[in-house]
Amino acid sequence: MNRRIFLRNLGGGIGAAVFLSNFNISAEAFSRKTLSKIGLQLYTVRPDMERDFEGTLRKVAALGIKEVEFAGYFGQKPEQIKKLLKELKLSAPSAHFSSVVGRDELSQAIEAANIIGHKYLVFAYLREEERRSLDDYKKLVVKLNKAGEDCRQAGLQFAYHNHDFEFKKWDGQIPYDLILAQTDSSLVKMEMDLYWITKAGYDPLAYFEKHPGRFPLVHVKDMDNTPAKNFTEVGHGTIDFKKIFAKANVAGIEHYFIEQDETPAEPLDSVNQSVKYLHNLRF
């Protein structure tokens, strides 16, 4: 082979290599996933909801939010909520209740959920007086399974939302692990709050691997880089959402709800920042 042919072939090979390299990069970028629908836990905008329920939902929808999760109905009737959600092209796959386990309010919650169109009823918060020992958590498990069965009979799915206190050990055991192990996985799903589990020092991915398909709902909440580990807008903090969302299929995640319990400025401004970050996120 003479020098001219050699250089021509070499040039072609380099060109092909560069082309394939660029193609692979483009294909990789193209194949990365995005969130098809971004949700909001309405607890984030609770002051606005109290002042102007309808107007706040309109502003939420205008930000590009597609799903909302209720934390109270602010005196609105379920029929009115259903009508407004339809008009705004919002869906409400879930709602939080703090008094749903073992209390009379469960039947009312189920009735409202079926009118509005919720698929999930989520137990939001375990009061301090109900979590003072490991035995309290064992009693909770019984109540969660019962609530889960009641929801299933009503055509709904029950779920449990965590904070950080479920990871405080009692008698050498982690209550969150106890809940996962002793509740019926078909009756009690989990809504993982990614902020609280991270603040407690535990890895969401480890739970996804150990309990695949158990986490259809997540709260997308970021943690700032200060000693206090406060709430912050999604994408402004230290939680690696790209890594977590990449395991969505393992976890069984179907719904992603932005939540920021406290905001430094107007809640809707913080929500808007989080929406913009998640809209551009590739994972």
Protein backbone atom coordinates (compact mmCIF):
# COMPACT_ATOMS: atom_id res chain seq x y z
CA MET A 1 0.00 0.00 0.00
CA ASN A 2 1.50 3.35 -1.00
CA ARG A 3 1.59 6.37 1.23
CA ARG A 4 -1.28 8.19 -0.53
CA ILE A 5 -3.70 5.27 -0.13
CA PHE A 6 -2.60 4.74 3.47
CA LEU A 7 -3.28 8.36 4.39
CA ARG A 8 -6.62 8.32 2.57
CA ASN A 9 -7.73 5.22 4.48
CA LEU A 10 -6.41 6.64 7.70
CA GLY A 11 -8.34 9.86 7.14
CA GLY A 12 -11.50 7.93 6.38
CA GLY A 13 -11.04 5.87 9.51
CA ILE A 14 -10.57 8.93 11.68
CA GLY A 15 -13.60 10.57 10.10
CA ALA A 16 -15.68 7.47 10.74
CA ALA A 17 -14.45 7.27 14.31
CA VAL A 18 -15.32 10.90 14.92
CA PHE A 19 -18.74 10.39 13.33
CA LEU A 20 -19.46 7.31 15.41
CA SER A 21 -18.25 9.05 18.55
CA ASN A 22 -20.54 12.01 17.93
CA PHE A 23 -23.38 9.66 17.06
CA ASN A 24 -22.92 7.75 20.29
CA ILE A 25 -22.92 10.96 22.31
CA SER A 26 -26.05 12.18 20.55
CA ALA A 27 -27.75 8.81 20.91
CA GLU A 28 -26.90 8.72 24.60
CA ALA A 29 -28.31 12.20 25.13
CA PHE A 30 -31.40 11.36 23.12
CA SER A 31 -32.00 8.12 25.00
CA ARG A 32 -31.89 9.74 28.44
CA LYS A 33 -35.20 9.99 30.20
CA THR A 34 -37.10 13.07 31.30
CA LEU A 35 -40.07 13.47 33.59
CA SER A 36 -43.19 13.29 31.48
CA LYS A 37 -45.27 14.88 34.23
CA ILE A 38 -44.18 16.96 37.20
CA GLY A 39 -46.35 17.06 40.30
CA LEU A 40 -46.69 19.32 43.33
CA GLN A 41 -47.59 18.54 46.91
CA LEU A 42 -49.93 21.42 47.66
CA TYR A 43 -48.69 21.68 51.24
CA THR A 44 -45.93 23.77 49.66
CA VAL A 45 -48.42 26.50 48.77
CA ARG A 46 -50.78 26.09 51.72
CA PRO A 47 -50.88 29.83 52.65
CA ASP A 48 -51.93 30.64 49.08
CA MET A 49 -54.49 27.81 49.04
CA GLU A 50 -56.04 29.16 52.24
CA ARG A 51 -56.36 32.66 50.78
CA ASP A 52 -57.40 31.75 47.25
CA PHE A 53 -58.00 28.08 46.51
CA GLU A 54 -59.06 28.40 42.88
CA GLY A 55 -56.62 31.16 41.97
CA THR A 56 -53.69 29.25 43.43
CA LEU A 57 -54.53 26.09 41.50
CA ARG A 58 -54.70 28.17 38.33
CA LYS A 59 -51.23 29.55 39.01
CA VAL A 60 -49.91 26.07 39.77
CA ALA A 61 -51.23 24.77 36.45
CA ALA A 62 -49.70 27.75 34.62
CA LEU A 63 -46.24 26.72 35.88
CA GLY A 64 -46.45 23.47 33.94
CA ILE A 65 -47.49 21.27 36.83
CA LYS A 66 -49.56 18.32 35.63
CA GLU A 67 -50.37 16.55 38.90
CA VAL A 68 -51.19 17.76 42.39
CA GLU A 69 -51.25 15.99 45.72
CA PHE A 70 -53.66 17.43 48.25
CA ALA A 71 -52.97 18.01 51.94
CA GLY A 72 -56.44 19.10 52.98
CA TYR A 73 -59.23 20.57 50.88
CA PHE A 74 -59.43 24.03 52.51
CA GLY A 75 -63.18 23.88 52.94
CA GLN A 76 -63.87 23.01 49.30
CA LYS A 77 -66.38 20.29 48.41
CA PRO A 78 -65.04 17.26 46.50
CA GLU A 79 -67.44 17.89 43.61
CA GLN A 80 -66.14 21.46 43.22
CA ILE A 81 -62.54 20.28 43.30
CA LYS A 82 -63.19 17.64 40.66
CA LYS A 83 -64.76 20.21 38.35
CA LEU A 84 -61.90 22.70 38.78
CA LEU A 85 -59.21 20.06 38.21
CA LYS A 86 -60.90 19.01 34.99
CA GLU A 87 -61.05 22.60 33.76
CA LEU A 88 -57.35 23.13 34.53
CA LYS A 89 -56.33 19.77 33.06
CA LEU A 90 -54.81 18.77 36.37
CA SER A 91 -54.96 15.30 37.85
CA ALA A 92 -54.81 14.54 41.56
CA PRO A 93 -53.59 10.96 41.90
CA SER A 94 -53.13 11.18 45.66
CA ALA A 95 -54.00 12.99 48.85
CA HIS A 96 -52.48 13.19 52.32
CA PHE A 97 -54.37 12.51 55.51
CA SER A 98 -52.97 12.71 59.03
CA SER A 99 -55.92 11.05 60.73
CA VAL A 100 -56.67 8.19 58.40
CA VAL A 101 -55.26 5.26 60.34
CA GLY A 102 -57.61 3.64 62.81
CA ARG A 103 -59.91 6.65 63.01
CA ASP A 104 -63.42 7.49 61.86
CA GLU A 105 -62.15 9.89 59.20
CA LEU A 106 -61.07 7.05 56.93
CA SER A 107 -64.53 6.49 55.49
CA GLN A 108 -64.86 10.22 54.76
CA ALA A 109 -61.43 10.26 53.15
CA ILE A 110 -62.32 7.33 50.93
CA GLU A 111 -65.59 8.96 49.88
CA ALA A 112 -63.85 12.21 48.94
CA ALA A 113 -61.07 10.37 47.13
CA ASN A 114 -63.49 8.48 44.93
CA ILE A 115 -65.32 11.68 43.99
CA ILE A 116 -62.20 13.71 43.19
CA GLY A 117 -60.43 10.85 41.47
CA HIS A 118 -57.53 10.04 43.78
CA LYS A 119 -55.92 6.64 43.35
CA TYR A 120 -53.85 6.81 46.53
CA LEU A 121 -54.61 7.76 50.11
CA VAL A 122 -51.36 8.56 51.89
CA PHE A 123 -50.87 8.52 55.66
CA ALA A 124 -48.92 11.73 56.07
CA TYR A 125 -47.54 12.00 59.57
CA LEU A 126 -47.25 9.95 62.73
CA ARG A 127 -47.76 12.17 65.76
CA GLU A 128 -45.06 12.23 68.43
CA GLU A 129 -47.25 10.59 71.07
CA GLU A 130 -47.81 7.69 68.68
CA ARG A 131 -44.11 6.87 68.20
CA ARG A 132 -42.51 6.65 71.62
CA SER A 133 -41.44 3.01 71.44
CA LEU A 134 -40.93 0.12 69.06
CA ASP A 135 -44.23 -1.29 70.32
CA ASP A 136 -45.95 1.83 69.04
CA TYR A 137 -44.65 1.05 65.57
CA LYS A 138 -45.79 -2.56 65.86
CA LYS A 139 -49.27 -1.28 66.68
CA LEU A 140 -49.02 1.09 63.73
CA VAL A 141 -48.31 -1.81 61.37
CA VAL A 142 -51.62 -3.43 62.32
CA LYS A 143 -53.46 -0.17 61.65
CA LEU A 144 -51.71 0.36 58.33
CA ASN A 145 -52.66 -3.09 57.09
CA LYS A 146 -56.26 -2.52 58.16
CA ALA A 147 -56.39 0.85 56.41
CA GLY A 148 -54.83 -0.72 53.35
CA GLU A 149 -57.52 -3.38 53.23
CA ASP A 150 -60.28 -0.79 53.66
CA CYS A 151 -58.80 1.22 50.79
CA ARG A 152 -58.50 -1.82 48.55
CA GLN A 153 -62.15 -2.66 49.09
CA ALA A 154 -62.98 0.88 48.02
CA GLY A 155 -60.87 0.62 44.87
CA LEU A 156 -57.99 2.71 46.24
CA GLN A 157 -54.36 2.12 47.17
CA PHE A 158 -53.08 3.04 50.61
CA ALA A 159 -49.53 4.39 51.13
CA TYR A 160 -47.27 5.61 53.93
CA HIS A 161 -45.20 8.82 53.83
CA ASN A 162 -41.99 8.95 55.85
CA HIS A 163 -40.13 11.64 57.74
CA ASP A 164 -36.75 11.18 59.41
CA PHE A 165 -38.00 9.88 62.76
CA GLU A 166 -38.85 6.46 61.27
CA PHE A 167 -35.09 5.91 60.96
CA LYS A 168 -34.35 6.48 64.65
CA LYS A 169 -33.49 3.08 66.09
CA TRP A 170 -35.53 1.57 68.89
CA ASP A 171 -34.11 -1.54 70.56
CA GLY A 172 -31.64 -1.82 67.71
CA GLN A 173 -34.34 -1.78 65.02
CA ILE A 174 -35.20 0.83 62.40
CA PRO A 175 -38.97 1.45 62.45
CA TYR A 176 -39.06 2.12 58.69
CA ASP A 177 -37.63 -1.34 58.10
CA LEU A 178 -40.22 -2.79 60.46
CA ILE A 179 -43.04 -1.07 58.56
CA LEU A 180 -41.75 -2.36 55.22
CA ALA A 181 -41.27 -5.90 56.53
CA GLN A 182 -44.52 -6.30 58.44
CA THR A 183 -47.05 -4.51 56.25
CA ASP A 184 -48.60 -6.30 53.30
CA SER A 185 -46.75 -5.01 50.23
CA SER A 186 -49.94 -5.09 48.17
CA LEU A 187 -51.95 -3.16 50.76
CA VAL A 188 -49.39 -0.60 51.93
CA LYS A 189 -47.20 1.13 49.37
CA MET A 190 -44.63 3.76 50.32
CA GLU A 191 -44.35 7.39 49.37
CA MET A 192 -40.66 8.03 49.91
CA ASP A 193 -39.73 11.53 50.96
CA LEU A 194 -36.28 11.86 49.42
CA TYR A 195 -35.31 14.76 51.68
CA TRP A 196 -36.19 13.13 54.99
CA ILE A 197 -34.58 9.77 54.25
CA THR A 198 -31.41 11.52 53.08
CA LYS A 199 -31.33 13.80 56.12
CA ALA A 200 -31.65 10.70 58.33
CA GLY A 201 -28.49 9.37 56.70
CA TYR A 202 -29.95 6.56 54.62
CA ASP A 203 -29.75 5.77 50.91
CA PRO A 204 -32.97 5.65 48.87
CA LEU A 205 -31.33 3.38 46.30
CA ALA A 206 -30.65 0.70 48.90
CA TYR A 207 -34.34 0.62 49.76
CA PHE A 208 -35.33 0.51 46.09
CA GLU A 209 -33.12 -2.55 45.60
CA LYS A 210 -34.36 -4.32 48.72
CA HIS A 211 -38.06 -3.54 48.16
CA PRO A 212 -38.52 -3.22 44.38
CA GLY A 213 -41.81 -1.82 43.17
CA ARG A 214 -42.85 -0.63 46.63
CA PHE A 215 -42.44 3.12 45.98
CA PRO A 216 -44.98 4.43 43.43
CA LEU A 217 -44.82 7.96 44.87
CA VAL A 218 -41.89 10.18 45.83
CA HIS A 219 -41.55 13.64 47.32
CA VAL A 220 -38.93 15.55 45.38
CA LYS A 221 -37.48 17.82 48.02
CA ASP A 222 -33.91 19.12 48.14
CA MET A 223 -31.55 19.75 51.08
CA ASP A 224 -29.22 22.72 51.24
CA ASN A 225 -25.49 22.53 51.96
CA THR A 226 -25.56 24.05 55.44
CA PRO A 227 -25.10 22.44 58.87
CA ALA A 228 -28.86 22.82 59.43
CA LYS A 229 -29.64 20.88 56.21
CA ASN A 230 -32.66 23.02 55.48
CA PHE A 231 -35.19 22.72 52.66
CA THR A 232 -34.30 24.34 49.36
CA GLU A 233 -35.51 24.47 45.77
CA VAL A 234 -34.99 21.29 43.77
CA GLY A 235 -31.64 21.42 42.02
CA HIS A 236 -30.23 24.00 44.45
CA GLY A 237 -29.15 21.48 47.05
CA THR A 238 -27.14 18.33 47.62
CA ILE A 239 -29.48 15.48 46.67
CA ASP A 240 -28.57 13.67 43.44
CA PHE A 241 -31.98 13.35 41.80
CA LYS A 242 -30.47 12.16 38.54
CA LYS A 243 -29.04 9.09 40.23
CA ILE A 244 -32.26 8.42 42.12
CA PHE A 245 -34.59 8.86 39.15
CA ALA A 246 -32.42 6.54 37.06
CA LYS A 247 -33.67 3.73 39.33
CA ALA A 248 -37.34 4.65 38.93
CA ASN A 249 -38.17 1.34 37.25
CA VAL A 250 -36.67 -0.60 40.13
CA ALA A 251 -38.50 1.50 42.72
CA GLY A 252 -41.77 1.49 40.80
CA ILE A 253 -42.02 5.30 40.80
CA GLU A 254 -45.06 6.64 38.94
CA HIS A 255 -45.57 10.09 40.47
CA TYR A 256 -43.05 12.79 41.37
CA PHE A 257 -44.28 15.54 43.69
CA ILE A 258 -42.22 18.66 44.37
CA GLU A 259 -42.48 19.65 47.99
CA GLN A 260 -40.80 22.40 49.97
CA ASP A 261 -42.17 22.66 53.49
CA GLU A 262 -40.82 26.16 53.98
CA THR A 263 -39.74 28.69 51.36
CA PRO A 264 -37.61 31.84 51.85
CA ALA A 265 -39.79 33.91 49.52
CA GLU A 266 -43.13 33.39 47.81
CA PRO A 267 -43.93 29.63 47.64
CA LEU A 268 -44.92 29.80 43.97
CA ASP A 269 -41.57 31.39 43.10
CA SER A 270 -39.77 28.48 44.74
CA VAL A 271 -42.04 25.99 42.97
CA ASN A 272 -41.26 27.65 39.65
CA GLN A 273 -37.51 27.24 40.23
CA SER A 274 -37.97 23.57 41.03
CA VAL A 275 -40.17 23.01 37.98
CA LYS A 276 -37.59 24.58 35.66
CA TYR A 277 -34.84 22.35 37.04
CA LEU A 278 -36.88 19.16 36.74
CA HIS A 279 -38.10 20.09 33.27
CA ASN A 280 -34.49 20.15 32.04
CA LEU A 281 -33.26 17.17 34.05
CA ARG A 282 -32.01 14.18 32.04
CA PHE A 283 -31.33 10.90 33.75
